Amino acid sequence: MTVKIVNKSNNPLPNYQTLGSSGMDLLSNNEIEIIINPMERTLVPTGLFMEIPVGYEGQVRARSGLSIKNGITLVNCVGTIDSDYRGELRVPIINLGNEPFKISKGDRIAQLIITKYERVLWDQVDSVEETDRGTGGFGSTGV
């Protein structure tokens, strides 16, 4: 699958770091250094504009290293880029850590996954099939 992309930054295009990588690193495109204090959030520009084919979506996810080492994650956990969105890809980042966090131009700030999805048709009924689990949730299976 090919995705059309416009890169208005001087950064390289997102790419897979290893053969087994499902995500591509997204790099920041901020002209001035961004400091995110604890519990602050901001939108970080990437300079990327893409044309994702219908039937696919972009998923923006936190980088695990930034999350565990610095408490840096995404405001919305996983961001969705719909196939009809044509604006700049900007990443909503929050600092859940205890120290201010600095983002310089070109820093790896998140990862991007392009994935296929299915659209559903609803079949409104009066009841759904019973299962052994039933209505148990939120840890009811012992995990």
N, C-alpha and C. Protein backbone atom coordinates (compact mmCIF):
# COMPACT_ATOMS: atom_id res chain seq x y z
N MET A 1 0.84 -1.17 0.00
CA MET A 1 0.00 0.00 0.00
C MET A 1 0.89 1.24 0.00
N THR A 2 0.48 2.24 -0.72
CA THR A 2 1.21 3.50 -0.80
C THR A 2 0.36 4.61 -0.20
N VAL A 3 0.99 5.49 0.57
CA VAL A 3 0.31 6.65 1.14
C VAL A 3 1.00 7.90 0.63
N LYS A 4 0.22 8.82 0.06
CA LYS A 4 0.78 10.10 -0.38
C LYS A 4 1.08 10.94 0.85
N ILE A 5 2.24 11.61 0.84
CA ILE A 5 2.65 12.42 1.99
C ILE A 5 3.36 13.68 1.51
N VAL A 6 3.05 14.80 2.14
CA VAL A 6 3.76 16.06 1.93
C VAL A 6 4.56 16.31 3.19
N ASN A 7 5.84 16.59 3.03
CA ASN A 7 6.73 16.84 4.16
C ASN A 7 7.20 18.29 4.11
N LYS A 8 6.65 19.14 4.98
CA LYS A 8 7.03 20.55 5.04
C LYS A 8 8.09 20.79 6.12
N SER A 9 8.69 19.72 6.60
CA SER A 9 9.79 19.86 7.57
C SER A 9 11.09 19.51 6.87
N ASN A 10 12.18 19.66 7.57
CA ASN A 10 13.48 19.21 7.06
C ASN A 10 13.83 17.83 7.59
N ASN A 11 12.89 17.20 8.30
CA ASN A 11 13.11 15.87 8.86
C ASN A 11 12.90 14.81 7.79
N PRO A 12 13.51 13.65 7.96
CA PRO A 12 13.21 12.54 7.04
C PRO A 12 11.77 12.07 7.24
N LEU A 13 11.24 11.39 6.24
CA LEU A 13 9.90 10.82 6.36
C LEU A 13 9.88 9.76 7.45
N PRO A 14 8.71 9.52 8.06
CA PRO A 14 8.62 8.42 9.03
C PRO A 14 9.09 7.13 8.37
N ASN A 15 9.82 6.32 9.12
CA ASN A 15 10.28 5.04 8.56
C ASN A 15 10.33 3.99 9.66
N TYR A 16 10.36 2.74 9.23
CA TYR A 16 10.42 1.61 10.16
C TYR A 16 11.88 1.42 10.57
N GLN A 17 12.12 1.32 11.88
CA GLN A 17 13.49 1.20 12.39
C GLN A 17 14.05 -0.21 12.26
N THR A 18 13.15 -1.23 12.31
CA THR A 18 13.59 -2.62 12.18
C THR A 18 12.61 -3.36 11.28
N LEU A 19 12.99 -4.54 10.84
CA LEU A 19 12.14 -5.34 9.98
C LEU A 19 10.82 -5.69 10.66
N GLY A 20 10.82 -5.87 11.97
CA GLY A 20 9.62 -6.25 12.70
C GLY A 20 8.82 -5.10 13.26
N SER A 21 9.24 -3.87 13.01
CA SER A 21 8.52 -2.70 13.55
C SER A 21 7.16 -2.53 12.87
N SER A 22 6.12 -2.30 13.67
CA SER A 22 4.81 -1.99 13.10
C SER A 22 4.59 -0.48 13.04
N GLY A 23 5.32 0.27 13.86
CA GLY A 23 5.18 1.71 13.91
C GLY A 23 6.40 2.42 13.36
N MET A 24 6.16 3.63 12.87
CA MET A 24 7.22 4.51 12.37
C MET A 24 7.33 5.71 13.29
N ASP A 25 8.53 6.11 13.62
CA ASP A 25 8.71 7.27 14.50
C ASP A 25 8.26 8.55 13.82
N LEU A 26 7.55 9.38 14.59
CA LEU A 26 7.19 10.73 14.15
C LEU A 26 8.16 11.71 14.80
N LEU A 27 8.67 12.64 14.03
CA LEU A 27 9.65 13.62 14.50
C LEU A 27 9.00 14.99 14.64
N SER A 28 9.41 15.72 15.66
CA SER A 28 8.85 17.05 15.89
C SER A 28 9.37 18.04 14.86
N ASN A 29 8.55 19.04 14.56
CA ASN A 29 8.94 20.10 13.63
C ASN A 29 8.70 21.47 14.24
N ASN A 30 9.13 21.64 15.48
CA ASN A 30 8.97 22.91 16.16
C ASN A 30 10.18 23.80 15.90
N GLU A 31 9.93 25.07 15.60
CA GLU A 31 11.03 26.01 15.31
C GLU A 31 11.79 26.39 16.58
N ILE A 32 11.07 26.51 17.70
CA ILE A 32 11.72 26.82 18.96
C ILE A 32 11.51 25.65 19.92
N GLU A 33 12.41 25.51 20.85
CA GLU A 33 12.33 24.44 21.83
C GLU A 33 11.02 24.52 22.61
N ILE A 34 10.39 23.36 22.82
CA ILE A 34 9.16 23.29 23.60
C ILE A 34 9.50 22.69 24.96
N ILE A 35 9.07 23.36 26.02
CA ILE A 35 9.21 22.82 27.37
C ILE A 35 7.81 22.49 27.87
N ILE A 36 7.60 21.22 28.24
CA ILE A 36 6.32 20.80 28.79
C ILE A 36 6.54 20.50 30.27
N ASN A 37 5.94 21.32 31.13
CA ASN A 37 6.05 21.11 32.57
C ASN A 37 5.15 19.96 33.01
N PRO A 38 5.39 19.39 34.19
CA PRO A 38 4.52 18.32 34.68
C PRO A 38 3.05 18.71 34.62
N MET A 39 2.24 17.80 34.11
CA MET A 39 0.79 17.92 33.95
C MET A 39 0.37 18.95 32.88
N GLU A 40 1.32 19.47 32.12
CA GLU A 40 0.97 20.35 31.00
C GLU A 40 0.84 19.50 29.74
N ARG A 41 0.11 20.04 28.77
CA ARG A 41 -0.05 19.38 27.49
C ARG A 41 0.10 20.40 26.37
N THR A 42 0.48 19.90 25.19
CA THR A 42 0.66 20.77 24.05
C THR A 42 0.52 19.96 22.76
N LEU A 43 0.27 20.66 21.66
CA LEU A 43 0.27 20.03 20.34
C LEU A 43 1.63 20.27 19.70
N VAL A 44 2.28 19.19 19.30
CA VAL A 44 3.60 19.29 18.69
C VAL A 44 3.47 19.07 17.18
N PRO A 45 3.92 20.04 16.37
CA PRO A 45 3.80 19.90 14.92
C PRO A 45 4.81 18.89 14.37
N THR A 46 4.42 18.27 13.24
CA THR A 46 5.35 17.35 12.54
C THR A 46 5.72 17.85 11.16
N GLY A 47 4.93 18.77 10.60
CA GLY A 47 5.17 19.22 9.23
C GLY A 47 4.71 18.22 8.19
N LEU A 48 3.96 17.19 8.61
CA LEU A 48 3.51 16.15 7.69
C LEU A 48 2.03 16.30 7.38
N PHE A 49 1.70 16.10 6.11
CA PHE A 49 0.32 16.10 5.62
C PHE A 49 0.19 14.84 4.77
N MET A 50 -0.84 14.04 5.00
CA MET A 50 -0.92 12.78 4.27
C MET A 50 -2.31 12.51 3.73
N GLU A 51 -2.34 11.65 2.74
CA GLU A 51 -3.59 11.23 2.10
C GLU A 51 -3.70 9.72 2.31
N ILE A 52 -4.31 9.36 3.40
CA ILE A 52 -4.48 7.95 3.75
C ILE A 52 -5.64 7.38 2.92
N PRO A 53 -5.45 6.23 2.28
CA PRO A 53 -6.52 5.67 1.45
C PRO A 53 -7.77 5.33 2.27
N VAL A 54 -8.94 5.42 1.64
CA VAL A 54 -10.19 5.02 2.27
C VAL A 54 -10.07 3.55 2.66
N GLY A 55 -10.56 3.21 3.85
CA GLY A 55 -10.46 1.85 4.37
C GLY A 55 -9.25 1.67 5.27
N TYR A 56 -8.45 2.73 5.42
CA TYR A 56 -7.27 2.70 6.30
C TYR A 56 -7.35 3.89 7.26
N GLU A 57 -6.64 3.80 8.36
CA GLU A 57 -6.53 4.92 9.29
C GLU A 57 -5.08 5.01 9.76
N GLY A 58 -4.69 6.18 10.20
CA GLY A 58 -3.42 6.34 10.88
C GLY A 58 -3.68 6.31 12.37
N GLN A 59 -2.85 5.60 13.11
CA GLN A 59 -2.94 5.59 14.57
C GLN A 59 -1.64 6.19 15.10
N VAL A 60 -1.78 7.21 15.94
CA VAL A 60 -0.62 7.84 16.57
C VAL A 60 -0.57 7.34 18.01
N ARG A 61 0.55 6.76 18.36
CA ARG A 61 0.72 6.15 19.68
C ARG A 61 1.95 6.72 20.38
N ALA A 62 1.93 6.61 21.70
CA ALA A 62 3.08 7.06 22.50
C ALA A 62 4.28 6.16 22.23
N ARG A 63 5.45 6.69 22.42
CA ARG A 63 6.68 5.90 22.37
C ARG A 63 6.91 5.34 23.77
N SER A 64 7.09 4.04 23.88
CA SER A 64 7.20 3.40 25.20
C SER A 64 8.38 3.93 26.00
N GLY A 65 9.50 4.20 25.34
CA GLY A 65 10.67 4.72 26.06
C GLY A 65 10.40 6.07 26.70
N LEU A 66 9.75 6.97 25.96
CA LEU A 66 9.42 8.29 26.52
C LEU A 66 8.43 8.15 27.67
N SER A 67 7.50 7.21 27.54
CA SER A 67 6.49 7.02 28.58
C SER A 67 7.10 6.52 29.87
N ILE A 68 7.90 5.47 29.80
CA ILE A 68 8.43 4.88 31.03
C ILE A 68 9.56 5.70 31.63
N LYS A 69 10.39 6.31 30.81
CA LYS A 69 11.54 7.07 31.33
C LYS A 69 11.17 8.48 31.77
N ASN A 70 10.21 9.11 31.07
CA ASN A 70 9.92 10.52 31.33
C ASN A 70 8.46 10.84 31.64
N GLY A 71 7.57 9.88 31.53
CA GLY A 71 6.15 10.15 31.77
C GLY A 71 5.50 10.91 30.62
N ILE A 72 6.11 10.85 29.43
CA ILE A 72 5.57 11.56 28.27
C ILE A 72 4.66 10.61 27.50
N THR A 73 3.42 11.01 27.31
CA THR A 73 2.46 10.17 26.60
C THR A 73 1.53 11.07 25.79
N LEU A 74 0.52 10.47 25.18
CA LEU A 74 -0.43 11.24 24.39
C LEU A 74 -1.66 11.56 25.23
N VAL A 75 -2.20 12.74 25.03
CA VAL A 75 -3.39 13.18 25.77
C VAL A 75 -4.54 12.19 25.54
N ASN A 76 -4.70 11.72 24.31
CA ASN A 76 -5.81 10.85 23.96
C ASN A 76 -5.40 9.38 23.83
N CYS A 77 -4.30 8.99 24.39
CA CYS A 77 -3.78 7.62 24.36
C CYS A 77 -3.43 7.17 22.95
N VAL A 78 -4.40 7.01 22.08
CA VAL A 78 -4.16 6.69 20.67
C VAL A 78 -4.95 7.68 19.85
N GLY A 79 -4.25 8.39 18.99
CA GLY A 79 -4.92 9.34 18.11
C GLY A 79 -5.25 8.70 16.79
N THR A 80 -6.39 9.07 16.21
CA THR A 80 -6.83 8.53 14.94
C THR A 80 -6.71 9.60 13.86
N ILE A 81 -6.12 9.22 12.73
CA ILE A 81 -6.07 10.08 11.56
C ILE A 81 -7.00 9.44 10.53
N ASP A 82 -8.13 10.08 10.27
CA ASP A 82 -9.09 9.56 9.30
C ASP A 82 -8.60 9.77 7.88
N SER A 83 -9.12 8.95 6.96
CA SER A 83 -8.65 9.00 5.57
C SER A 83 -9.02 10.31 4.88
N ASP A 84 -10.01 11.04 5.39
CA ASP A 84 -10.38 12.31 4.74
C ASP A 84 -9.77 13.54 5.42
N TYR A 85 -8.90 13.34 6.42
CA TYR A 85 -8.24 14.48 7.08
C TYR A 85 -7.04 14.91 6.23
N ARG A 86 -6.91 16.20 6.00
CA ARG A 86 -5.81 16.71 5.17
C ARG A 86 -4.95 17.77 5.87
N GLY A 87 -5.21 18.01 7.15
CA GLY A 87 -4.41 19.00 7.87
C GLY A 87 -3.09 18.43 8.33
N GLU A 88 -2.30 19.29 8.95
CA GLU A 88 -1.00 18.86 9.47
C GLU A 88 -1.19 17.85 10.59
N LEU A 89 -0.37 16.84 10.59
CA LEU A 89 -0.35 15.88 11.69
C LEU A 89 0.36 16.55 12.86
N ARG A 90 -0.40 16.80 13.93
CA ARG A 90 0.16 17.36 15.16
C ARG A 90 -0.13 16.39 16.28
N VAL A 91 0.81 16.23 17.19
CA VAL A 91 0.73 15.21 18.23
C VAL A 91 0.39 15.85 19.57
N PRO A 92 -0.73 15.44 20.21
CA PRO A 92 -1.13 15.99 21.51
C PRO A 92 -0.38 15.28 22.64
N ILE A 93 0.61 15.93 23.19
CA ILE A 93 1.49 15.32 24.19
C ILE A 93 1.20 15.90 25.57
N ILE A 94 1.28 15.03 26.59
CA ILE A 94 1.13 15.44 27.98
C ILE A 94 2.33 14.91 28.77
N ASN A 95 2.77 15.70 29.74
CA ASN A 95 3.87 15.32 30.62
C ASN A 95 3.28 14.84 31.95
N LEU A 96 3.27 13.53 32.16
CA LEU A 96 2.80 12.96 33.42
C LEU A 96 3.95 12.72 34.38
N GLY A 97 5.14 13.13 33.98
CA GLY A 97 6.33 12.95 34.81
C GLY A 97 6.45 14.03 35.88
N ASN A 98 7.57 13.98 36.60
CA ASN A 98 7.82 14.91 37.70
C ASN A 98 8.73 16.07 37.31
N GLU A 99 9.33 16.02 36.14
CA GLU A 99 10.28 17.04 35.69
C GLU A 99 9.82 17.66 34.38
N PRO A 100 10.20 18.92 34.12
CA PRO A 100 9.92 19.50 32.81
C PRO A 100 10.58 18.66 31.71
N PHE A 101 9.94 18.60 30.55
CA PHE A 101 10.46 17.81 29.43
C PHE A 101 10.67 18.72 28.24
N LYS A 102 11.82 18.60 27.60
CA LYS A 102 12.19 19.46 26.47
C LYS A 102 12.03 18.70 25.16
N ILE A 103 11.41 19.36 24.18
CA ILE A 103 11.30 18.82 22.83
C ILE A 103 12.01 19.76 21.88
N SER A 104 13.05 19.26 21.23
CA SER A 104 13.78 20.01 20.23
C SER A 104 13.35 19.54 18.84
N LYS A 105 13.57 20.39 17.84
CA LYS A 105 13.21 20.04 16.47
C LYS A 105 13.91 18.74 16.08
N GLY A 106 13.12 17.82 15.51
CA GLY A 106 13.67 16.54 15.05
C GLY A 106 13.63 15.43 16.08
N ASP A 107 13.16 15.72 17.31
CA ASP A 107 13.06 14.67 18.33
C ASP A 107 11.97 13.67 17.95
N ARG A 108 12.19 12.41 18.29
CA ARG A 108 11.19 11.36 18.10
C ARG A 108 10.14 11.51 19.20
N ILE A 109 8.90 11.80 18.82
CA ILE A 109 7.88 12.15 19.82
C ILE A 109 6.74 11.15 19.92
N ALA A 110 6.52 10.36 18.90
CA ALA A 110 5.41 9.40 18.89
C ALA A 110 5.67 8.40 17.78
N GLN A 111 4.77 7.45 17.63
CA GLN A 111 4.87 6.53 16.51
C GLN A 111 3.57 6.50 15.73
N LEU A 112 3.70 6.20 14.45
CA LEU A 112 2.57 6.17 13.54
C LEU A 112 2.40 4.77 12.98
N ILE A 113 1.18 4.27 13.04
CA ILE A 113 0.84 2.99 12.45
C ILE A 113 -0.29 3.23 11.46
N ILE A 114 -0.17 2.69 10.26
CA ILE A 114 -1.24 2.76 9.28
C ILE A 114 -1.89 1.37 9.25
N THR A 115 -3.20 1.33 9.45
CA THR A 115 -3.87 0.03 9.55
C THR A 115 -5.22 0.04 8.84
N LYS A 116 -5.60 -1.11 8.35
CA LYS A 116 -6.89 -1.29 7.69
C LYS A 116 -7.99 -1.41 8.74
N TYR A 117 -9.17 -0.93 8.42
CA TYR A 117 -10.31 -1.08 9.32
C TYR A 117 -11.53 -1.51 8.54
N GLU A 118 -12.51 -2.00 9.25
CA GLU A 118 -13.80 -2.40 8.66
C GLU A 118 -14.87 -1.43 9.11
N ARG A 119 -15.78 -1.11 8.24
CA ARG A 119 -16.96 -0.32 8.60
C ARG A 119 -18.09 -1.31 8.87
N VAL A 120 -18.91 -1.03 9.85
CA VAL A 120 -19.97 -1.96 10.23
C VAL A 120 -21.34 -1.40 9.89
N LEU A 121 -22.28 -2.29 9.75
CA LEU A 121 -23.69 -1.94 9.67
C LEU A 121 -24.32 -2.45 10.95
N TRP A 122 -25.13 -1.65 11.61
CA TRP A 122 -25.77 -2.05 12.85
C TRP A 122 -26.99 -2.90 12.55
N ASP A 123 -27.16 -3.95 13.33
CA ASP A 123 -28.35 -4.80 13.28
C ASP A 123 -29.02 -4.67 14.65
N GLN A 124 -29.96 -3.75 14.77
CA GLN A 124 -30.61 -3.50 16.06
C GLN A 124 -31.55 -4.64 16.41
N VAL A 125 -31.30 -5.26 17.58
CA VAL A 125 -32.08 -6.41 18.03
C VAL A 125 -32.55 -6.15 19.46
N ASP A 126 -33.38 -7.05 19.99
CA ASP A 126 -33.90 -6.90 21.35
C ASP A 126 -32.96 -7.49 22.40
N SER A 127 -32.07 -8.43 22.01
CA SER A 127 -31.13 -9.02 22.97
C SER A 127 -29.92 -9.55 22.21
N VAL A 128 -28.86 -9.82 22.96
CA VAL A 128 -27.65 -10.41 22.39
C VAL A 128 -27.43 -11.78 23.00
N GLU A 129 -26.68 -12.62 22.31
CA GLU A 129 -26.44 -13.99 22.75
C GLU A 129 -25.73 -14.04 24.10
N GLU A 130 -26.14 -14.94 24.97
CA GLU A 130 -25.50 -15.12 26.27
C GLU A 130 -24.15 -15.83 26.12
N THR A 131 -23.22 -15.54 27.05
CA THR A 131 -21.93 -16.21 27.09
C THR A 131 -21.64 -16.62 28.53
N ASP A 132 -20.60 -17.43 28.73
CA ASP A 132 -20.21 -17.79 30.10
C ASP A 132 -19.80 -16.55 30.89
N ARG A 133 -19.16 -15.63 30.24
CA ARG A 133 -18.70 -14.41 30.91
C ARG A 133 -19.86 -13.49 31.28
N GLY A 134 -20.83 -13.41 30.41
CA GLY A 134 -21.99 -12.55 30.67
C GLY A 134 -21.61 -11.08 30.75
N THR A 135 -22.03 -10.42 31.81
CA THR A 135 -21.79 -8.98 31.96
C THR A 135 -20.53 -8.66 32.75
N GLY A 136 -19.76 -9.68 33.12
CA GLY A 136 -18.54 -9.44 33.89
C GLY A 136 -17.51 -8.66 33.09
N GLY A 137 -16.94 -7.66 33.70
CA GLY A 137 -15.91 -6.85 33.07
C GLY A 137 -15.01 -6.24 34.11
N PHE A 138 -14.08 -5.42 33.68
CA PHE A 138 -13.20 -4.67 34.58
C PHE A 138 -12.50 -5.59 35.59
N GLY A 139 -11.85 -6.62 35.07
CA GLY A 139 -11.08 -7.52 35.93
C GLY A 139 -11.84 -8.74 36.40
N SER A 140 -13.04 -8.97 35.88
CA SER A 140 -13.85 -10.09 36.36
C SER A 140 -13.29 -11.45 35.96
N THR A 141 -12.35 -11.49 35.00
CA THR A 141 -11.76 -12.77 34.60
C THR A 141 -10.56 -13.13 35.44
N GLY A 142 -10.29 -12.34 36.46
CA GLY A 142 -9.19 -12.64 37.38
C GLY A 142 -7.89 -11.94 37.05
N VAL A 143 -7.87 -11.12 36.03
CA VAL A 143 -6.64 -10.42 35.64
C VAL A 143 -6.61 -9.04 36.27
